[in-house]
Amino acid sequence: MQSASPSGAVIDGVKTNHYTGRIQMMSVSERPRERLCSCGPAALGDHELIAILLGTGVRDRPVTRVAAEVLCVLDRNGPRTGIDDLLAIRGLGPAKATVVAAALELARRILCPGKARISLPGDVVPLVSHYSDRKQEHFLCVSLNGAHEVIATRVVSVGLVNRALVHPREVFAEPVNDRAAAVIVAHNHPSGHVEPSREDREVTERLIAAGRTLGIQVLDHIIFSTEGYYSFLENGAL
């Protein structure tokens, strides 16, 4: 059987290129469970891992479609995602919503029992690298306390990085509430190339200036992809 070509869907106004058809239409080697067994969990995209957690979909809503919607909710709400947010997704009943919520909490307890401390730009990459396979640019902000320990990592905007979407007001709103001493911003390049564009540099300069006014230092801007990352700090561009 030939594998079905990936088809996207518009979810919450965002176009996703994740496959949202029925898993039975995929070749066996491309199915999430089989790929995890053969390649390991690190090789799977976030939507595939969620599809494995859910197991099955419901009538007219394949598990891949429900998984893509769960991922959109997680991208939007981050660690604040609650059981009510999950239950609002059509096709996600209490049983499956609690499985996702339990998996998120277990991961938080085991993998992040304490606050991660950022010593080098590369320390940030594991916190954001799961966004590297997104088909749109995701701009993220990592809030840090005075010891450069991570308070929170949040998605600020989805779409092309420009002055309209990455406004200092949106970037610093939550860090101010966090009483953060510093932030590190980051965004993915779906193209795979990590060299900063002119707009990337302009946005960085604008955020640094705004941070000075607020008393919150911008320590770095990291551009990342599945191929690697570019650090403004490491390249002397700050």
C-alpha atoms as a PDB file:
ATOM      1  CA  MET A   1       0.000   0.000   0.000  1.00  0.00           C
ATOM      2  CA  GLN A   2       1.338   3.430  -0.848  1.00  0.00           C
ATOM      3  CA  SER A   3       1.449   5.997   1.887  1.00  0.00           C
ATOM      4  CA  ALA A   4      -1.022   8.851   1.770  1.00  0.00           C
ATOM      5  CA  SER A   5       0.458  12.231   1.022  1.00  0.00           C
ATOM      6  CA  PRO A   6       0.393  14.556   4.052  1.00  0.00           C
ATOM      7  CA  SER A   7      -2.589  16.869   4.120  1.00  0.00           C
ATOM      8  CA  GLY A   8      -2.777  19.942   6.290  1.00  0.00           C
ATOM      9  CA  ALA A   9      -5.627  21.542   8.121  1.00  0.00           C
ATOM     10  CA  VAL A  10      -6.479  24.990   9.416  1.00  0.00           C
ATOM     11  CA  ILE A  11      -6.748  24.847  13.199  1.00  0.00           C
ATOM     12  CA  ASP A  12      -7.490  27.981  15.232  1.00  0.00           C
ATOM     13  CA  GLY A  13      -6.719  29.977  12.112  1.00  0.00           C
ATOM     14  CA  VAL A  14      -3.260  28.414  11.774  1.00  0.00           C
ATOM     15  CA  LYS A  15      -2.345  26.260   8.790  1.00  0.00           C
ATOM     16  CA  THR A  16      -0.679  23.050   9.872  1.00  0.00           C
ATOM     17  CA  ASN A  17       1.107  20.730   7.480  1.00  0.00           C
ATOM     18  CA  HIS A  18       0.888  17.798   9.861  1.00  0.00           C
ATOM     19  CA  TYR A  19      -0.822  14.769   8.377  1.00  0.00           C
ATOM     20  CA  THR A  20      -4.421  14.767   9.616  1.00  0.00           C
ATOM     21  CA  GLY A  21      -5.863  11.789   7.768  1.00  0.00           C
ATOM     22  CA  ARG A  22      -6.453   8.257   8.966  1.00  0.00           C
ATOM     23  CA  ILE A  23      -3.414   6.322  10.152  1.00  0.00           C
ATOM     24  CA  GLN A  24      -4.726   3.247   8.309  1.00  0.00           C
ATOM     25  CA  MET A  25      -4.056   5.110   5.053  1.00  0.00           C
ATOM     26  CA  MET A  26      -0.358   5.477   5.900  1.00  0.00           C
ATOM     27  CA  SER A  27       2.200   2.824   5.063  1.00  0.00           C
ATOM     28  CA  VAL A  28       3.042   0.682   8.091  1.00  0.00           C
ATOM     29  CA  SER A  29       6.565   2.092   8.304  1.00  0.00           C
ATOM     30  CA  GLU A  30       5.215   5.667   8.552  1.00  0.00           C
ATOM     31  CA  ARG A  31       2.731   5.045  11.347  1.00  0.00           C
ATOM     32  CA  PRO A  32       3.680   6.685  14.681  1.00  0.00           C
ATOM     33  CA  ARG A  33       3.851   3.516  16.783  1.00  0.00           C
ATOM     34  CA  GLU A  34       5.921   1.667  14.208  1.00  0.00           C
ATOM     35  CA  ARG A  35       8.240   4.670  13.756  1.00  0.00           C
ATOM     36  CA  LEU A  36       8.767   4.903  17.499  1.00  0.00           C
ATOM     37  CA  CYS A  37       9.680   1.221  17.694  1.00  0.00           C
ATOM     38  CA  SER A  38      12.065   1.394  14.748  1.00  0.00           C
ATOM     39  CA  CYS A  39      13.575   4.878  15.174  1.00  0.00           C
ATOM     40  CA  GLY A  40      13.029   5.725  18.832  1.00  0.00           C
ATOM     41  CA  PRO A  41      10.809   8.449  20.368  1.00  0.00           C
ATOM     42  CA  ALA A  42      13.271  11.258  19.617  1.00  0.00           C
ATOM     43  CA  ALA A  43      12.659  10.787  15.880  1.00  0.00           C
ATOM     44  CA  LEU A  44       8.940  11.553  16.146  1.00  0.00           C
ATOM     45  CA  GLY A  45       7.292  14.938  15.875  1.00  0.00           C
ATOM     46  CA  ASP A  46       5.217  16.242  18.782  1.00  0.00           C
ATOM     47  CA  HIS A  47       1.960  15.521  16.923  1.00  0.00           C
ATOM     48  CA  GLU A  48       3.022  11.893  16.424  1.00  0.00           C
ATOM     49  CA  LEU A  49       3.803  11.451  20.129  1.00  0.00           C
ATOM     50  CA  ILE A  50       0.403  12.885  21.022  1.00  0.00           C
ATOM     51  CA  ALA A  51      -1.291  10.562  18.501  1.00  0.00           C
ATOM     52  CA  ILE A  52       0.325   7.594  20.270  1.00  0.00           C
ATOM     53  CA  LEU A  53      -0.959   8.830  23.634  1.00  0.00           C
ATOM     54  CA  LEU A  54      -4.493   9.192  22.248  1.00  0.00           C
ATOM     55  CA  GLY A  55      -4.466   5.836  20.481  1.00  0.00           C
ATOM     56  CA  THR A  56      -7.620   6.322  18.427  1.00  0.00           C
ATOM     57  CA  GLY A  57      -9.833   9.107  17.175  1.00  0.00           C
ATOM     58  CA  VAL A  58     -13.606   9.260  16.878  1.00  0.00           C
ATOM     59  CA  ARG A  59     -16.035   9.092  13.976  1.00  0.00           C
ATOM     60  CA  ASP A  60     -15.062  11.612  11.259  1.00  0.00           C
ATOM     61  CA  ARG A  61     -12.119  12.839  13.381  1.00  0.00           C
ATOM     62  CA  PRO A  62      -8.979  10.721  12.906  1.00  0.00           C
ATOM     63  CA  VAL A  63      -6.532  10.576  15.792  1.00  0.00           C
ATOM     64  CA  THR A  64      -4.009  12.558  13.726  1.00  0.00           C
ATOM     65  CA  ARG A  65      -6.475  15.439  13.431  1.00  0.00           C
ATOM     66  CA  VAL A  66      -7.258  15.408  17.156  1.00  0.00           C
ATOM     67  CA  ALA A  67      -3.514  15.229  17.938  1.00  0.00           C
ATOM     68  CA  ALA A  68      -2.856  18.272  15.728  1.00  0.00           C
ATOM     69  CA  GLU A  69      -5.503  20.227  17.641  1.00  0.00           C
ATOM     70  CA  VAL A  70      -4.055  19.154  20.990  1.00  0.00           C
ATOM     71  CA  LEU A  71      -0.661  20.391  19.805  1.00  0.00           C
ATOM     72  CA  CYS A  72      -2.138  23.772  18.858  1.00  0.00           C
ATOM     73  CA  VAL A  73      -3.644  24.089  22.349  1.00  0.00           C
ATOM     74  CA  LEU A  74      -0.328  23.162  23.971  1.00  0.00           C
ATOM     75  CA  ASP A  75       1.547  25.635  21.769  1.00  0.00           C
ATOM     76  CA  ARG A  76      -0.907  28.369  22.701  1.00  0.00           C
ATOM     77  CA  ASN A  77      -1.222  27.717  26.445  1.00  0.00           C
ATOM     78  CA  GLY A  78       2.063  26.015  27.267  1.00  0.00           C
ATOM     79  CA  PRO A  79       2.386  24.789  30.864  1.00  0.00           C
ATOM     80  CA  ARG A  80      -0.875  26.537  31.742  1.00  0.00           C
ATOM     81  CA  THR A  81      -2.843  23.995  29.681  1.00  0.00           C
ATOM     82  CA  GLY A  82      -5.522  22.542  31.922  1.00  0.00           C
ATOM     83  CA  ILE A  83      -7.936  19.658  31.668  1.00  0.00           C
ATOM     84  CA  ASP A  84     -10.730  22.044  30.607  1.00  0.00           C
ATOM     85  CA  ASP A  85      -8.609  23.251  27.659  1.00  0.00           C
ATOM     86  CA  LEU A  86      -8.199  19.655  26.513  1.00  0.00           C
ATOM     87  CA  LEU A  87     -11.847  18.737  27.008  1.00  0.00           C
ATOM     88  CA  ALA A  88     -12.826  21.632  24.737  1.00  0.00           C
ATOM     89  CA  ILE A  89     -11.272  19.771  21.781  1.00  0.00           C
ATOM     90  CA  ARG A  90     -13.900  17.814  19.859  1.00  0.00           C
ATOM     91  CA  GLY A  91     -13.018  14.144  19.891  1.00  0.00           C
ATOM     92  CA  LEU A  92     -11.134  14.333  23.181  1.00  0.00           C
ATOM     93  CA  GLY A  93     -13.227  12.886  25.984  1.00  0.00           C
ATOM     94  CA  PRO A  94     -12.376  12.697  29.698  1.00  0.00           C
ATOM     95  CA  ALA A  95     -10.410   9.442  29.367  1.00  0.00           C
ATOM     96  CA  LYS A  96      -8.035  10.698  26.678  1.00  0.00           C
ATOM     97  CA  ALA A  97      -7.822  14.226  28.077  1.00  0.00           C
ATOM     98  CA  THR A  98      -6.696  12.846  31.431  1.00  0.00           C
ATOM     99  CA  VAL A  99      -4.077  10.667  29.711  1.00  0.00           C
ATOM    100  CA  VAL A 100      -2.571  13.769  28.044  1.00  0.00           C
ATOM    101  CA  ALA A 101      -2.752  15.791  31.271  1.00  0.00           C
ATOM    102  CA  ALA A 102      -1.135  12.974  33.249  1.00  0.00           C
ATOM    103  CA  ALA A 103       1.664  12.584  30.672  1.00  0.00           C
ATOM    104  CA  LEU A 104       2.411  16.319  30.810  1.00  0.00           C
ATOM    105  CA  GLU A 105       2.522  16.337  34.608  1.00  0.00           C
ATOM    106  CA  LEU A 106       4.687  13.198  34.770  1.00  0.00           C
ATOM    107  CA  ALA A 107       7.143  14.709  32.282  1.00  0.00           C
ATOM    108  CA  ARG A 108       7.278  17.902  34.326  1.00  0.00           C
ATOM    109  CA  ARG A 109       7.969  16.041  37.573  1.00  0.00           C
ATOM    110  CA  ILE A 110      10.576  13.644  36.221  1.00  0.00           C
ATOM    111  CA  LEU A 111      12.349  15.775  33.616  1.00  0.00           C
ATOM    112  CA  CYS A 112      12.048  19.185  35.310  1.00  0.00           C
ATOM    113  CA  PRO A 113      12.091  18.508  39.071  1.00  0.00           C
ATOM    114  CA  GLY A 114      13.934  21.756  39.668  1.00  0.00           C
ATOM    115  CA  LYS A 115      14.674  24.914  37.770  1.00  0.00           C
ATOM    116  CA  ALA A 116      17.068  24.534  34.860  1.00  0.00           C
ATOM    117  CA  ARG A 117      19.959  26.978  34.998  1.00  0.00           C
ATOM    118  CA  ILE A 118      21.197  28.615  31.810  1.00  0.00           C
ATOM    119  CA  SER A 119      24.961  28.988  31.633  1.00  0.00           C
ATOM    120  CA  LEU A 120      25.529  28.928  27.865  1.00  0.00           C
ATOM    121  CA  PRO A 121      23.304  29.710  24.855  1.00  0.00           C
ATOM    122  CA  GLY A 122      23.252  26.035  23.992  1.00  0.00           C
ATOM    123  CA  ASP A 123      21.501  25.306  27.300  1.00  0.00           C
ATOM    124  CA  VAL A 124      18.353  26.943  25.911  1.00  0.00           C
ATOM    125  CA  VAL A 125      18.161  24.773  22.790  1.00  0.00           C
ATOM    126  CA  PRO A 126      16.714  21.661  24.520  1.00  0.00           C
ATOM    127  CA  LEU A 127      13.913  23.836  25.922  1.00  0.00           C
ATOM    128  CA  VAL A 128      12.756  24.947  22.474  1.00  0.00           C
ATOM    129  CA  SER A 129      14.052  22.354  20.002  1.00  0.00           C
ATOM    130  CA  HIS A 130      10.713  20.511  19.794  1.00  0.00           C
ATOM    131  CA  TYR A 131       9.427  23.536  17.847  1.00  0.00           C
ATOM    132  CA  SER A 132      12.085  23.037  15.163  1.00  0.00           C
ATOM    133  CA  ASP A 133       9.823  20.943  12.923  1.00  0.00           C
ATOM    134  CA  ARG A 134       6.962  23.455  12.899  1.00  0.00           C
ATOM    135  CA  LYS A 135       5.914  24.681   9.455  1.00  0.00           C
ATOM    136  CA  GLN A 136       5.490  28.244  10.736  1.00  0.00           C
ATOM    137  CA  GLU A 137       7.864  30.386  12.735  1.00  0.00           C
ATOM    138  CA  HIS A 138       7.217  30.237  16.478  1.00  0.00           C
ATOM    139  CA  PHE A 139       8.684  33.074  18.536  1.00  0.00           C
ATOM    140  CA  LEU A 140       9.396  32.077  22.136  1.00  0.00           C
ATOM    141  CA  CYS A 141      10.484  33.863  25.274  1.00  0.00           C
ATOM    142  CA  VAL A 142      12.312  32.197  28.164  1.00  0.00           C
ATOM    143  CA  SER A 143      11.959  34.060  31.479  1.00  0.00           C
ATOM    144  CA  LEU A 144      14.940  33.822  33.856  1.00  0.00           C
ATOM    145  CA  ASN A 145      15.427  34.833  37.463  1.00  0.00           C
ATOM    146  CA  GLY A 146      18.510  36.564  38.827  1.00  0.00           C
ATOM    147  CA  ALA A 147      20.405  33.261  38.990  1.00  0.00           C
ATOM    148  CA  HIS A 148      19.551  32.648  35.329  1.00  0.00           C
ATOM    149  CA  GLU A 149      17.248  29.786  36.286  1.00  0.00           C
ATOM    150  CA  VAL A 150      14.297  29.170  33.974  1.00  0.00           C
ATOM    151  CA  ILE A 151      10.981  30.459  35.275  1.00  0.00           C
ATOM    152  CA  ALA A 152       8.927  29.679  32.168  1.00  0.00           C
ATOM    153  CA  THR A 153       9.141  29.176  28.409  1.00  0.00           C
ATOM    154  CA  ARG A 154       6.266  30.599  26.367  1.00  0.00           C
ATOM    155  CA  VAL A 155       5.169  31.012  22.751  1.00  0.00           C
ATOM    156  CA  VAL A 156       4.759  34.733  22.055  1.00  0.00           C
ATOM    157  CA  SER A 157       3.588  34.574  18.449  1.00  0.00           C
ATOM    158  CA  VAL A 158       3.162  32.255  15.491  1.00  0.00           C
ATOM    159  CA  GLY A 159       3.975  33.521  12.010  1.00  0.00           C
ATOM    160  CA  LEU A 160       6.754  35.444  10.327  1.00  0.00           C
ATOM    161  CA  VAL A 161       9.026  37.245  12.762  1.00  0.00           C
ATOM    162  CA  ASN A 162       8.474  40.945  12.170  1.00  0.00           C
ATOM    163  CA  ARG A 163       7.786  44.138  14.051  1.00  0.00           C
ATOM    164  CA  ALA A 164       4.017  43.649  13.956  1.00  0.00           C
ATOM    165  CA  LEU A 165       3.971  40.163  15.498  1.00  0.00           C
ATOM    166  CA  VAL A 166       6.960  40.469  17.833  1.00  0.00           C
ATOM    167  CA  HIS A 167       6.092  43.631  19.701  1.00  0.00           C
ATOM    168  CA  PRO A 168       7.971  44.339  22.959  1.00  0.00           C
ATOM    169  CA  ARG A 169       4.630  44.612  24.743  1.00  0.00           C
ATOM    170  CA  GLU A 170       3.798  40.998  23.886  1.00  0.00           C
ATOM    171  CA  VAL A 171       7.300  39.693  24.572  1.00  0.00           C
ATOM    172  CA  PHE A 172       7.742  41.302  27.997  1.00  0.00           C
ATOM    173  CA  ALA A 173       4.168  41.079  29.352  1.00  0.00           C
ATOM    174  CA  GLU A 174       4.633  37.703  31.050  1.00  0.00           C
ATOM    175  CA  PRO A 175       8.289  38.229  32.109  1.00  0.00           C
ATOM    176  CA  VAL A 176       7.164  41.386  33.939  1.00  0.00           C
ATOM    177  CA  ASN A 177       4.544  39.315  35.783  1.00  0.00           C
ATOM    178  CA  ASP A 178       7.224  36.691  36.469  1.00  0.00           C
ATOM    179  CA  ARG A 179       9.456  39.417  37.975  1.00  0.00           C
ATOM    180  CA  ALA A 180      12.106  38.093  35.605  1.00  0.00           C
ATOM    181  CA  ALA A 181      15.592  39.546  35.707  1.00  0.00           C
ATOM    182  CA  ALA A 182      16.402  38.507  32.148  1.00  0.00           C
ATOM    183  CA  VAL A 183      14.989  36.783  29.095  1.00  0.00           C
ATOM    184  CA  ILE A 184      16.270  34.789  26.159  1.00  0.00           C
ATOM    185  CA  VAL A 185      14.189  34.912  22.996  1.00  0.00           C
ATOM    186  CA  ALA A 186      14.221  32.283  20.285  1.00  0.00           C
ATOM    187  CA  HIS A 187      12.435  31.335  17.100  1.00  0.00           C
ATOM    188  CA  ASN A 188      12.547  28.518  14.587  1.00  0.00           C
ATOM    189  CA  HIS A 189      13.346  28.800  10.891  1.00  0.00           C
ATOM    190  CA  PRO A 190      11.248  26.210   9.006  1.00  0.00           C
ATOM    191  CA  SER A 191      13.592  26.544   6.012  1.00  0.00           C
ATOM    192  CA  GLY A 192      16.382  24.921   8.011  1.00  0.00           C
ATOM    193  CA  HIS A 193      18.738  27.880   7.540  1.00  0.00           C
ATOM    194  CA  VAL A 194      19.587  29.616  10.800  1.00  0.00           C
ATOM    195  CA  GLU A 195      21.363  32.740   9.596  1.00  0.00           C
ATOM    196  CA  PRO A 196      19.440  35.796  10.863  1.00  0.00           C
ATOM    197  CA  SER A 197      17.528  37.950   8.408  1.00  0.00           C
ATOM    198  CA  ARG A 198      17.484  41.739   8.444  1.00  0.00           C
ATOM    199  CA  GLU A 199      14.158  41.663  10.280  1.00  0.00           C
ATOM    200  CA  ASP A 200      15.564  39.205  12.817  1.00  0.00           C
ATOM    201  CA  ARG A 201      18.332  41.702  13.603  1.00  0.00           C
ATOM    202  CA  GLU A 202      15.919  44.641  13.771  1.00  0.00           C
ATOM    203  CA  VAL A 203      13.585  42.794  16.128  1.00  0.00           C
ATOM    204  CA  THR A 204      16.537  41.854  18.341  1.00  0.00           C
ATOM    205  CA  GLU A 205      17.727  45.459  18.599  1.00  0.00           C
ATOM    206  CA  ARG A 206      14.221  46.658  19.381  1.00  0.00           C
ATOM    207  CA  LEU A 207      13.752  44.085  22.152  1.00  0.00           C
ATOM    208  CA  ILE A 208      17.125  44.875  23.709  1.00  0.00           C
ATOM    209  CA  ALA A 209      16.215  48.575  23.849  1.00  0.00           C
ATOM    210  CA  ALA A 210      12.816  47.805  25.382  1.00  0.00           C
ATOM    211  CA  GLY A 211      14.423  45.467  27.902  1.00  0.00           C
ATOM    212  CA  ARG A 212      16.776  48.208  29.060  1.00  0.00           C
ATOM    213  CA  THR A 213      13.789  50.467  29.735  1.00  0.00           C
ATOM    214  CA  LEU A 214      12.027  47.733  31.732  1.00  0.00           C
ATOM    215  CA  GLY A 215      15.129  46.576  33.558  1.00  0.00           C
ATOM    216  CA  ILE A 216      14.945  43.112  31.990  1.00  0.00           C
ATOM    217  CA  GLN A 217      18.101  42.129  30.111  1.00  0.00           C
ATOM    218  CA  VAL A 218      17.831  40.310  26.792  1.00  0.00           C
ATOM    219  CA  LEU A 219      20.676  37.818  27.122  1.00  0.00           C
ATOM    220  CA  ASP A 220      20.410  36.251  23.678  1.00  0.00           C
ATOM    221  CA  HIS A 221      18.308  35.633  20.600  1.00  0.00           C
ATOM    222  CA  ILE A 222      18.562  32.094  19.275  1.00  0.00           C
ATOM    223  CA  ILE A 223      17.429  31.012  15.816  1.00  0.00           C
ATOM    224  CA  PHE A 224      17.083  27.260  15.515  1.00  0.00           C
ATOM    225  CA  SER A 225      16.008  24.549  13.112  1.00  0.00           C
ATOM    226  CA  THR A 226      16.328  20.806  12.735  1.00  0.00           C
ATOM    227  CA  GLU A 227      19.812  21.487  11.344  1.00  0.00           C
ATOM    228  CA  GLY A 228      21.253  23.463  14.273  1.00  0.00           C
ATOM    229  CA  TYR A 229      21.089  26.916  15.843  1.00  0.00           C
ATOM    230  CA  TYR A 230      22.478  30.454  15.644  1.00  0.00           C
ATOM    231  CA  SER A 231      23.148  32.451  18.795  1.00  0.00           C
ATOM    232  CA  PHE A 232      23.410  36.245  18.532  1.00  0.00           C
ATOM    233  CA  LEU A 233      25.533  36.190  21.705  1.00  0.00           C
ATOM    234  CA  GLU A 234      27.948  33.509  20.504  1.00  0.00           C
ATOM    235  CA  ASN A 235      28.367  35.363  17.200  1.00  0.00           C
ATOM    236  CA  GLY A 236      29.021  38.729  18.831  1.00  0.00           C
ATOM    237  CA  ALA A 237      25.831  40.192  17.341  1.00  0.00           C
ATOM    238  CA  LEU A 238      24.353  41.555  20.585  1.00  0.00           C
END
